[in-house]
């Protein structure tokens, strides 16, 4: 089972797994599912995969909570140590745009002027091998809880040393000590899966957070749409479990 934590709660350790091979899995209603199942046989177990769940869900029950539980449990059953951060229960202030983190380009984690839970959260994130990132979709984007967290990570987990063509100050990850992996889960109330490409900015934001802040390759995504009208389906749960298992196995790929 996943480990749910809040402020100042200690982590709990479990055994984990590492992968010999790796594949990208994108799942939604339009996919057939089961594509990842054949991948799992390629992996061998190895200890100490640490998975951090970044949960931006304001609710403790419902569709997204169920999918997070499925993915987390599958990762734990695959041998990973799983730690869940429920952002709604933590003290995470809005970014003040004071530029303290932006100017600090050399620290392993960028300095911040605020004294809140982000200080220990960033340490946990740096220790992790893999991430499950989940948010409800709001107007196509990640919700306000997710975006507050996103902004606080931009130049603390990330650094302003990045460049894009002639542009300076582009975020690039400070977490360069090892390769990491991530999967994303997004839930939408009204928008169906077949319109995902037109409205699913949330997944793009989660993938950007993974790459630019955590130095993590996104190896799979899940978008469960039209939940208000059709509800959560078994195939959504199955695909969440596939992502959790894949992430546990991929956590320590060299």
C-alpha atoms as a PDB file:
ATOM      1  CA  UNK A   1       0.000   0.000   0.000  1.00  0.00           C
ATOM      2  CA  UNK A   2       1.196   3.576  -0.563  1.00  0.00           C
ATOM      3  CA  UNK A   3       2.426   5.644   2.349  1.00  0.00           C
ATOM      4  CA  UNK A   4       0.450   8.840   2.960  1.00  0.00           C
ATOM      5  CA  UNK A   5       2.380  11.617   4.638  1.00  0.00           C
ATOM      6  CA  UNK A   6       1.938  15.190   5.741  1.00  0.00           C
ATOM      7  CA  UNK A   7       4.110  17.717   7.498  1.00  0.00           C
ATOM      8  CA  UNK A   8       6.979  16.204   9.507  1.00  0.00           C
ATOM      9  CA  UNK A   9       5.859  12.589   9.070  1.00  0.00           C
ATOM     10  CA  UNK A  10       8.834  10.239   8.570  1.00  0.00           C
ATOM     11  CA  UNK A  11       9.295   8.197   5.390  1.00  0.00           C
ATOM     12  CA  UNK A  12       8.874   4.421   5.408  1.00  0.00           C
ATOM     13  CA  UNK A  13      11.225   2.202   3.418  1.00  0.00           C
ATOM     14  CA  UNK A  14      10.395  -0.797   1.197  1.00  0.00           C
ATOM     15  CA  UNK A  15      12.209  -2.881  -1.353  1.00  0.00           C
ATOM     16  CA  UNK A  16      12.143  -1.903  -5.034  1.00  0.00           C
ATOM     17  CA  UNK A  17      12.977  -2.890  -8.605  1.00  0.00           C
ATOM     18  CA  UNK A  18      15.119  -1.894 -11.538  1.00  0.00           C
ATOM     19  CA  UNK A  19      14.642  -2.347 -15.260  1.00  0.00           C
ATOM     20  CA  UNK A  20      16.733  -4.029 -17.928  1.00  0.00           C
ATOM     21  CA  UNK A  21      14.682  -2.356 -20.667  1.00  0.00           C
ATOM     22  CA  UNK A  22      12.247   0.546 -20.912  1.00  0.00           C
ATOM     23  CA  UNK A  23       9.279   1.556 -23.046  1.00  0.00           C
ATOM     24  CA  UNK A  24       6.956   4.561 -23.179  1.00  0.00           C
ATOM     25  CA  UNK A  25       3.293   3.862 -22.476  1.00  0.00           C
ATOM     26  CA  UNK A  26       0.559   6.425 -23.161  1.00  0.00           C
ATOM     27  CA  UNK A  27      -2.885   5.307 -22.104  1.00  0.00           C
ATOM     28  CA  UNK A  28      -6.350   6.729 -22.501  1.00  0.00           C
ATOM     29  CA  UNK A  29      -9.778   5.472 -23.522  1.00  0.00           C
ATOM     30  CA  UNK A  30      -8.714   5.365 -27.129  1.00  0.00           C
ATOM     31  CA  UNK A  31      -5.863   2.920 -26.471  1.00  0.00           C
ATOM     32  CA  UNK A  32      -6.354  -0.816 -26.250  1.00  0.00           C
ATOM     33  CA  UNK A  33      -4.526  -1.165 -22.933  1.00  0.00           C
ATOM     34  CA  UNK A  34      -2.417  -4.125 -21.946  1.00  0.00           C
ATOM     35  CA  UNK A  35       0.464  -2.920 -24.091  1.00  0.00           C
ATOM     36  CA  UNK A  36       2.641  -2.478 -21.036  1.00  0.00           C
ATOM     37  CA  UNK A  37       1.880  -5.942 -19.686  1.00  0.00           C
ATOM     38  CA  UNK A  38       4.309  -7.673 -22.016  1.00  0.00           C
ATOM     39  CA  UNK A  39       7.011  -5.198 -21.039  1.00  0.00           C
ATOM     40  CA  UNK A  40       7.041  -6.250 -17.396  1.00  0.00           C
ATOM     41  CA  UNK A  41       8.511  -9.665 -18.161  1.00  0.00           C
ATOM     42  CA  UNK A  42      11.697  -7.928 -19.359  1.00  0.00           C
ATOM     43  CA  UNK A  43      12.536  -6.642 -15.894  1.00  0.00           C
ATOM     44  CA  UNK A  44      14.532  -8.013 -12.994  1.00  0.00           C
ATOM     45  CA  UNK A  45      14.073  -6.963  -9.397  1.00  0.00           C
ATOM     46  CA  UNK A  46      16.662  -4.839  -7.593  1.00  0.00           C
ATOM     47  CA  UNK A  47      16.350  -2.984  -4.270  1.00  0.00           C
ATOM     48  CA  UNK A  48      15.734   0.615  -3.300  1.00  0.00           C
ATOM     49  CA  UNK A  49      13.529   2.244  -5.950  1.00  0.00           C
ATOM     50  CA  UNK A  50      12.066   5.315  -4.277  1.00  0.00           C
ATOM     51  CA  UNK A  51       8.815   6.605  -5.785  1.00  0.00           C
ATOM     52  CA  UNK A  52       7.309   9.923  -4.676  1.00  0.00           C
ATOM     53  CA  UNK A  53       3.646  10.548  -5.455  1.00  0.00           C
ATOM     54  CA  UNK A  54       2.885  14.221  -6.113  1.00  0.00           C
ATOM     55  CA  UNK A  55      -0.854  14.392  -5.506  1.00  0.00           C
ATOM     56  CA  UNK A  56      -2.556  17.693  -6.384  1.00  0.00           C
ATOM     57  CA  UNK A  57      -6.042  16.337  -5.728  1.00  0.00           C
ATOM     58  CA  UNK A  58      -7.996  18.497  -3.243  1.00  0.00           C
ATOM     59  CA  UNK A  59     -10.314  15.535  -2.542  1.00  0.00           C
ATOM     60  CA  UNK A  60      -9.410  12.405  -0.602  1.00  0.00           C
ATOM     61  CA  UNK A  61     -11.941  10.278  -2.476  1.00  0.00           C
ATOM     62  CA  UNK A  62     -13.173  10.064  -6.052  1.00  0.00           C
ATOM     63  CA  UNK A  63     -11.787   9.099  -9.451  1.00  0.00           C
ATOM     64  CA  UNK A  64      -8.348  10.650  -9.202  1.00  0.00           C
ATOM     65  CA  UNK A  65      -7.829   9.363  -5.657  1.00  0.00           C
ATOM     66  CA  UNK A  66      -8.701   5.864  -6.895  1.00  0.00           C
ATOM     67  CA  UNK A  67      -6.261   6.038  -9.818  1.00  0.00           C
ATOM     68  CA  UNK A  68      -3.473   7.323  -7.574  1.00  0.00           C
ATOM     69  CA  UNK A  69      -4.134   4.456  -5.165  1.00  0.00           C
ATOM     70  CA  UNK A  70      -4.038   1.916  -8.004  1.00  0.00           C
ATOM     71  CA  UNK A  71      -0.757   3.228  -9.402  1.00  0.00           C
ATOM     72  CA  UNK A  72       0.835   3.598  -5.956  1.00  0.00           C
ATOM     73  CA  UNK A  73      -0.192   0.118  -4.820  1.00  0.00           C
ATOM     74  CA  UNK A  74       1.100  -1.441  -8.053  1.00  0.00           C
ATOM     75  CA  UNK A  75       4.436   0.326  -7.628  1.00  0.00           C
ATOM     76  CA  UNK A  76       4.685  -0.866  -4.011  1.00  0.00           C
ATOM     77  CA  UNK A  77       3.769  -4.410  -5.015  1.00  0.00           C
ATOM     78  CA  UNK A  78       6.490  -4.201  -7.649  1.00  0.00           C
ATOM     79  CA  UNK A  79       9.006  -3.607  -4.863  1.00  0.00           C
ATOM     80  CA  UNK A  80       9.177   0.194  -4.719  1.00  0.00           C
ATOM     81  CA  UNK A  81       9.243   2.352  -1.623  1.00  0.00           C
ATOM     82  CA  UNK A  82       6.289   4.701  -2.155  1.00  0.00           C
ATOM     83  CA  UNK A  83       5.780   8.024  -0.388  1.00  0.00           C
ATOM     84  CA  UNK A  84       2.751  10.188  -1.159  1.00  0.00           C
ATOM     85  CA  UNK A  85       2.743  13.967  -0.841  1.00  0.00           C
ATOM     86  CA  UNK A  86      -0.824  15.273  -0.624  1.00  0.00           C
ATOM     87  CA  UNK A  87      -0.176  18.869  -1.616  1.00  0.00           C
ATOM     88  CA  UNK A  88      -3.552  20.077  -0.343  1.00  0.00           C
ATOM     89  CA  UNK A  89      -2.602  19.007   3.210  1.00  0.00           C
ATOM     90  CA  UNK A  90       0.811  20.680   3.182  1.00  0.00           C
ATOM     91  CA  UNK A  91       1.993  24.224   3.850  1.00  0.00           C
ATOM     92  CA  UNK A  92       3.025  25.412   0.374  1.00  0.00           C
ATOM     93  CA  UNK A  93       2.825  29.161  -0.127  1.00  0.00           C
ATOM     94  CA  UNK A  94       2.414  30.974  -3.410  1.00  0.00           C
ATOM     95  CA  UNK A  95       5.612  31.953  -5.182  1.00  0.00           C
ATOM     96  CA  UNK A  96       6.490  35.537  -4.221  1.00  0.00           C
ATOM     97  CA  UNK A  97       8.623  36.134  -7.343  1.00  0.00           C
ATOM     98  CA  UNK A  98      11.417  37.512  -5.152  1.00  0.00           C
ATOM     99  CA  UNK A  99      13.977  35.860  -7.495  1.00  0.00           C
ATOM    100  CA  UNK A 100      16.005  34.379  -4.603  1.00  0.00           C
ATOM    101  CA  UNK A 101      15.991  30.898  -6.179  1.00  0.00           C
ATOM    102  CA  UNK A 102      16.571  32.302  -9.668  1.00  0.00           C
ATOM    103  CA  UNK A 103      19.753  34.085  -8.596  1.00  0.00           C
ATOM    104  CA  UNK A 104      21.082  31.057  -6.708  1.00  0.00           C
ATOM    105  CA  UNK A 105      22.466  28.951  -9.548  1.00  0.00           C
ATOM    106  CA  UNK A 106      25.023  26.861  -7.612  1.00  0.00           C
ATOM    107  CA  UNK A 107      23.175  25.235  -4.690  1.00  0.00           C
ATOM    108  CA  UNK A 108      21.988  21.605  -5.025  1.00  0.00           C
ATOM    109  CA  UNK A 109      18.519  22.969  -4.220  1.00  0.00           C
ATOM    110  CA  UNK A 110      17.796  26.631  -4.874  1.00  0.00           C
ATOM    111  CA  UNK A 111      17.354  28.863  -1.838  1.00  0.00           C
ATOM    112  CA  UNK A 112      13.857  30.174  -1.115  1.00  0.00           C
ATOM    113  CA  UNK A 113      12.794  33.150   1.008  1.00  0.00           C
ATOM    114  CA  UNK A 114       9.796  31.250   2.377  1.00  0.00           C
ATOM    115  CA  UNK A 115       9.958  28.924   5.384  1.00  0.00           C
ATOM    116  CA  UNK A 116       7.309  26.320   4.656  1.00  0.00           C
ATOM    117  CA  UNK A 117       7.005  22.624   3.785  1.00  0.00           C
ATOM    118  CA  UNK A 118       8.706  23.043   0.416  1.00  0.00           C
ATOM    119  CA  UNK A 119      12.045  22.956   2.233  1.00  0.00           C
ATOM    120  CA  UNK A 120      11.742  19.279   3.205  1.00  0.00           C
ATOM    121  CA  UNK A 121       9.602  18.377   0.174  1.00  0.00           C
ATOM    122  CA  UNK A 122      12.423  19.363  -2.190  1.00  0.00           C
ATOM    123  CA  UNK A 123      14.818  17.130  -0.262  1.00  0.00           C
ATOM    124  CA  UNK A 124      12.404  14.207  -0.676  1.00  0.00           C
ATOM    125  CA  UNK A 125      12.062  14.939  -4.381  1.00  0.00           C
ATOM    126  CA  UNK A 126      15.833  14.960  -4.853  1.00  0.00           C
ATOM    127  CA  UNK A 127      16.185  11.600  -3.099  1.00  0.00           C
ATOM    128  CA  UNK A 128      13.558   9.979  -5.343  1.00  0.00           C
ATOM    129  CA  UNK A 129      14.198   7.729  -8.327  1.00  0.00           C
ATOM    130  CA  UNK A 130      10.739   8.124  -9.815  1.00  0.00           C
ATOM    131  CA  UNK A 131       7.510  10.110  -9.557  1.00  0.00           C
ATOM    132  CA  UNK A 132       3.779   9.628  -9.951  1.00  0.00           C
ATOM    133  CA  UNK A 133       2.384  13.099 -10.720  1.00  0.00           C
ATOM    134  CA  UNK A 134      -1.386  13.554 -10.623  1.00  0.00           C
ATOM    135  CA  UNK A 135      -3.787  16.460 -11.015  1.00  0.00           C
ATOM    136  CA  UNK A 136      -7.411  17.056 -11.921  1.00  0.00           C
ATOM    137  CA  UNK A 137      -7.818  19.045 -15.138  1.00  0.00           C
ATOM    138  CA  UNK A 138      -9.179  22.579 -14.711  1.00  0.00           C
ATOM    139  CA  UNK A 139      -9.908  24.537 -17.908  1.00  0.00           C
ATOM    140  CA  UNK A 140      -7.455  22.246 -19.650  1.00  0.00           C
ATOM    141  CA  UNK A 141      -4.642  22.960 -17.184  1.00  0.00           C
ATOM    142  CA  UNK A 142      -3.433  21.400 -13.960  1.00  0.00           C
ATOM    143  CA  UNK A 143      -5.420  22.783 -11.038  1.00  0.00           C
ATOM    144  CA  UNK A 144      -4.370  25.686  -8.814  1.00  0.00           C
ATOM    145  CA  UNK A 145      -2.768  23.383  -6.233  1.00  0.00           C
ATOM    146  CA  UNK A 146      -0.590  21.814  -8.917  1.00  0.00           C
ATOM    147  CA  UNK A 147       0.378  25.145 -10.469  1.00  0.00           C
ATOM    148  CA  UNK A 148       1.402  26.610  -7.103  1.00  0.00           C
ATOM    149  CA  UNK A 149       3.673  23.600  -6.575  1.00  0.00           C
ATOM    150  CA  UNK A 150       4.931  23.838 -10.178  1.00  0.00           C
ATOM    151  CA  UNK A 151       5.997  27.463  -9.686  1.00  0.00           C
ATOM    152  CA  UNK A 152       7.752  26.711  -6.400  1.00  0.00           C
ATOM    153  CA  UNK A 153       9.813  23.964  -8.098  1.00  0.00           C
ATOM    154  CA  UNK A 154      10.796  25.930 -11.209  1.00  0.00           C
ATOM    155  CA  UNK A 155      14.020  27.456  -9.885  1.00  0.00           C
ATOM    156  CA  UNK A 156      14.488  25.477  -6.654  1.00  0.00           C
ATOM    157  CA  UNK A 157      14.567  21.986  -8.157  1.00  0.00           C
ATOM    158  CA  UNK A 158      15.434  23.726 -11.395  1.00  0.00           C
ATOM    159  CA  UNK A 159      18.158  26.295 -12.076  1.00  0.00           C
ATOM    160  CA  UNK A 160      18.257  29.410 -14.239  1.00  0.00           C
ATOM    161  CA  UNK A 161      21.378  28.165 -16.037  1.00  0.00           C
ATOM    162  CA  UNK A 162      19.390  26.844 -18.985  1.00  0.00           C
ATOM    163  CA  UNK A 163      19.427  28.384 -22.443  1.00  0.00           C
ATOM    164  CA  UNK A 164      17.135  28.216 -25.465  1.00  0.00           C
ATOM    165  CA  UNK A 165      18.878  29.540 -28.552  1.00  0.00           C
ATOM    166  CA  UNK A 166      19.936  33.055 -27.448  1.00  0.00           C
ATOM    167  CA  UNK A 167      17.549  33.160 -24.483  1.00  0.00           C
ATOM    168  CA  UNK A 168      19.068  32.818 -21.001  1.00  0.00           C
ATOM    169  CA  UNK A 169      17.452  31.939 -17.679  1.00  0.00           C
ATOM    170  CA  UNK A 170      15.494  28.941 -18.987  1.00  0.00           C
ATOM    171  CA  UNK A 171      14.835  26.370 -16.212  1.00  0.00           C
ATOM    172  CA  UNK A 172      17.057  23.285 -16.233  1.00  0.00           C
ATOM    173  CA  UNK A 173      17.120  20.625 -13.529  1.00  0.00           C
ATOM    174  CA  UNK A 174      19.548  20.743 -10.616  1.00  0.00           C
ATOM    175  CA  UNK A 175      18.885  17.019  -9.988  1.00  0.00           C
ATOM    176  CA  UNK A 176      21.645  15.769 -12.278  1.00  0.00           C
ATOM    177  CA  UNK A 177      23.049  13.101  -9.931  1.00  0.00           C
ATOM    178  CA  UNK A 178      21.034  10.264 -11.499  1.00  0.00           C
ATOM    179  CA  UNK A 179      18.470   9.410 -14.131  1.00  0.00           C
ATOM    180  CA  UNK A 180      14.848   9.524 -12.995  1.00  0.00           C
ATOM    181  CA  UNK A 181      11.466   8.522 -14.426  1.00  0.00           C
ATOM    182  CA  UNK A 182       7.883   9.729 -14.093  1.00  0.00           C
ATOM    183  CA  UNK A 183       4.318   8.844 -14.999  1.00  0.00           C
ATOM    184  CA  UNK A 184       1.395  11.265 -15.034  1.00  0.00           C
ATOM    185  CA  UNK A 185      -2.300  10.902 -14.243  1.00  0.00           C
ATOM    186  CA  UNK A 186      -4.930  13.474 -15.232  1.00  0.00           C
ATOM    187  CA  UNK A 187      -8.702  13.318 -14.753  1.00  0.00           C
ATOM    188  CA  UNK A 188     -11.263  15.453 -16.583  1.00  0.00           C
ATOM    189  CA  UNK A 189     -14.930  15.835 -15.722  1.00  0.00           C
ATOM    190  CA  UNK A 190     -16.516  16.651 -19.086  1.00  0.00           C
ATOM    191  CA  UNK A 191     -13.945  16.451 -21.888  1.00  0.00           C
ATOM    192  CA  UNK A 192     -13.802  13.042 -23.650  1.00  0.00           C
ATOM    193  CA  UNK A 193     -10.541  11.281 -24.426  1.00  0.00           C
ATOM    194  CA  UNK A 194     -10.850  11.729 -28.171  1.00  0.00           C
ATOM    195  CA  UNK A 195     -10.508  15.515 -27.655  1.00  0.00           C
ATOM    196  CA  UNK A 196      -7.497  15.129 -25.367  1.00  0.00           C
ATOM    197  CA  UNK A 197      -5.033  16.635 -27.837  1.00  0.00           C
ATOM    198  CA  UNK A 198      -7.072  19.831 -27.965  1.00  0.00           C
ATOM    199  CA  UNK A 199      -7.471  20.417 -24.252  1.00  0.00           C
ATOM    200  CA  UNK A 200      -5.008  18.375 -22.184  1.00  0.00           C
ATOM    201  CA  UNK A 201      -2.456  21.023 -21.244  1.00  0.00           C
ATOM    202  CA  UNK A 202      -2.259  19.471 -17.756  1.00  0.00           C
ATOM    203  CA  UNK A 203      -0.263  16.465 -18.975  1.00  0.00           C
ATOM    204  CA  UNK A 204       2.132  18.745 -20.844  1.00  0.00           C
ATOM    205  CA  UNK A 205       2.650  20.734 -17.638  1.00  0.00           C
ATOM    206  CA  UNK A 206       3.351  17.588 -15.617  1.00  0.00           C
ATOM    207  CA  UNK A 207       5.832  16.372 -18.248  1.00  0.00           C
ATOM    208  CA  UNK A 208       7.536  19.768 -18.230  1.00  0.00           C
ATOM    209  CA  UNK A 209       7.823  19.645 -14.428  1.00  0.00           C
ATOM    210  CA  UNK A 210       9.322  16.163 -14.663  1.00  0.00           C
ATOM    211  CA  UNK A 211      11.951  17.128 -17.212  1.00  0.00           C
ATOM    212  CA  UNK A 212      12.978  20.653 -16.263  1.00  0.00           C
ATOM    213  CA  UNK A 213      12.723  20.363 -12.468  1.00  0.00           C
ATOM    214  CA  UNK A 214      13.286  16.694 -11.614  1.00  0.00           C
ATOM    215  CA  UNK A 215      15.457  15.498 -14.515  1.00  0.00           C
ATOM    216  CA  UNK A 216      12.882  12.752 -15.043  1.00  0.00           C
ATOM    217  CA  UNK A 217      11.846  11.110 -18.289  1.00  0.00           C
ATOM    218  CA  UNK A 218       8.082  10.666 -18.555  1.00  0.00           C
ATOM    219  CA  UNK A 219       7.560   7.024 -19.511  1.00  0.00           C
ATOM    220  CA  UNK A 220       3.772   6.915 -19.442  1.00  0.00           C
ATOM    221  CA  UNK A 221       0.629   9.026 -19.130  1.00  0.00           C
ATOM    222  CA  UNK A 222      -3.008   8.388 -18.264  1.00  0.00           C
ATOM    223  CA  UNK A 223      -5.894  10.692 -19.112  1.00  0.00           C
ATOM    224  CA  UNK A 224      -9.326   9.632 -17.836  1.00  0.00           C
ATOM    225  CA  UNK A 225     -11.949  11.896 -19.386  1.00  0.00           C
ATOM    226  CA  UNK A 226     -15.706  12.485 -19.322  1.00  0.00           C
ATOM    227  CA  UNK A 227     -15.925  11.233 -15.749  1.00  0.00           C
ATOM    228  CA  UNK A 228     -18.981  13.324 -14.851  1.00  0.00           C
ATOM    229  CA  UNK A 229     -21.067  11.549 -17.479  1.00  0.00           C
ATOM    230  CA  UNK A 230     -19.491   8.103 -17.733  1.00  0.00           C
ATOM    231  CA  UNK A 231     -17.669   7.621 -14.452  1.00  0.00           C
ATOM    232  CA  UNK A 232     -14.423   5.794 -13.777  1.00  0.00           C
ATOM    233  CA  UNK A 233     -14.046   2.560 -15.705  1.00  0.00           C
ATOM    234  CA  UNK A 234     -12.151  -0.631 -14.974  1.00  0.00           C
ATOM    235  CA  UNK A 235      -9.811   0.064 -17.874  1.00  0.00           C
ATOM    236  CA  UNK A 236      -8.759   3.315 -16.196  1.00  0.00           C
ATOM    237  CA  UNK A 237      -7.865   1.394 -13.034  1.00  0.00           C
ATOM    238  CA  UNK A 238      -6.056  -1.264 -15.048  1.00  0.00           C
ATOM    239  CA  UNK A 239      -3.989   1.301 -16.914  1.00  0.00           C
ATOM    240  CA  UNK A 240      -3.098   3.095 -13.669  1.00  0.00           C
ATOM    241  CA  UNK A 241      -1.817  -0.209 -12.302  1.00  0.00           C
ATOM    242  CA  UNK A 242       0.222  -0.738 -15.473  1.00  0.00           C
ATOM    243  CA  UNK A 243       1.881   2.642 -15.019  1.00  0.00           C
ATOM    244  CA  UNK A 244       2.678   1.929 -11.365  1.00  0.00           C
ATOM    245  CA  UNK A 245       4.263  -1.401 -12.189  1.00  0.00           C
ATOM    246  CA  UNK A 246       6.245   0.052 -15.076  1.00  0.00           C
ATOM    247  CA  UNK A 247       7.521   2.907 -12.924  1.00  0.00           C
ATOM    248  CA  UNK A 248       8.638   0.592 -10.123  1.00  0.00           C
ATOM    249  CA  UNK A 249      10.632  -1.489 -12.558  1.00  0.00           C
ATOM    250  CA  UNK A 250      12.142   1.462 -14.405  1.00  0.00           C
ATOM    251  CA  UNK A 251      13.170   3.406 -11.308  1.00  0.00           C
ATOM    252  CA  UNK A 252      16.842   2.477 -11.281  1.00  0.00           C
ATOM    253  CA  UNK A 253      17.542   1.835 -14.952  1.00  0.00           C
ATOM    254  CA  UNK A 254      21.183   2.820 -15.588  1.00  0.00           C
END
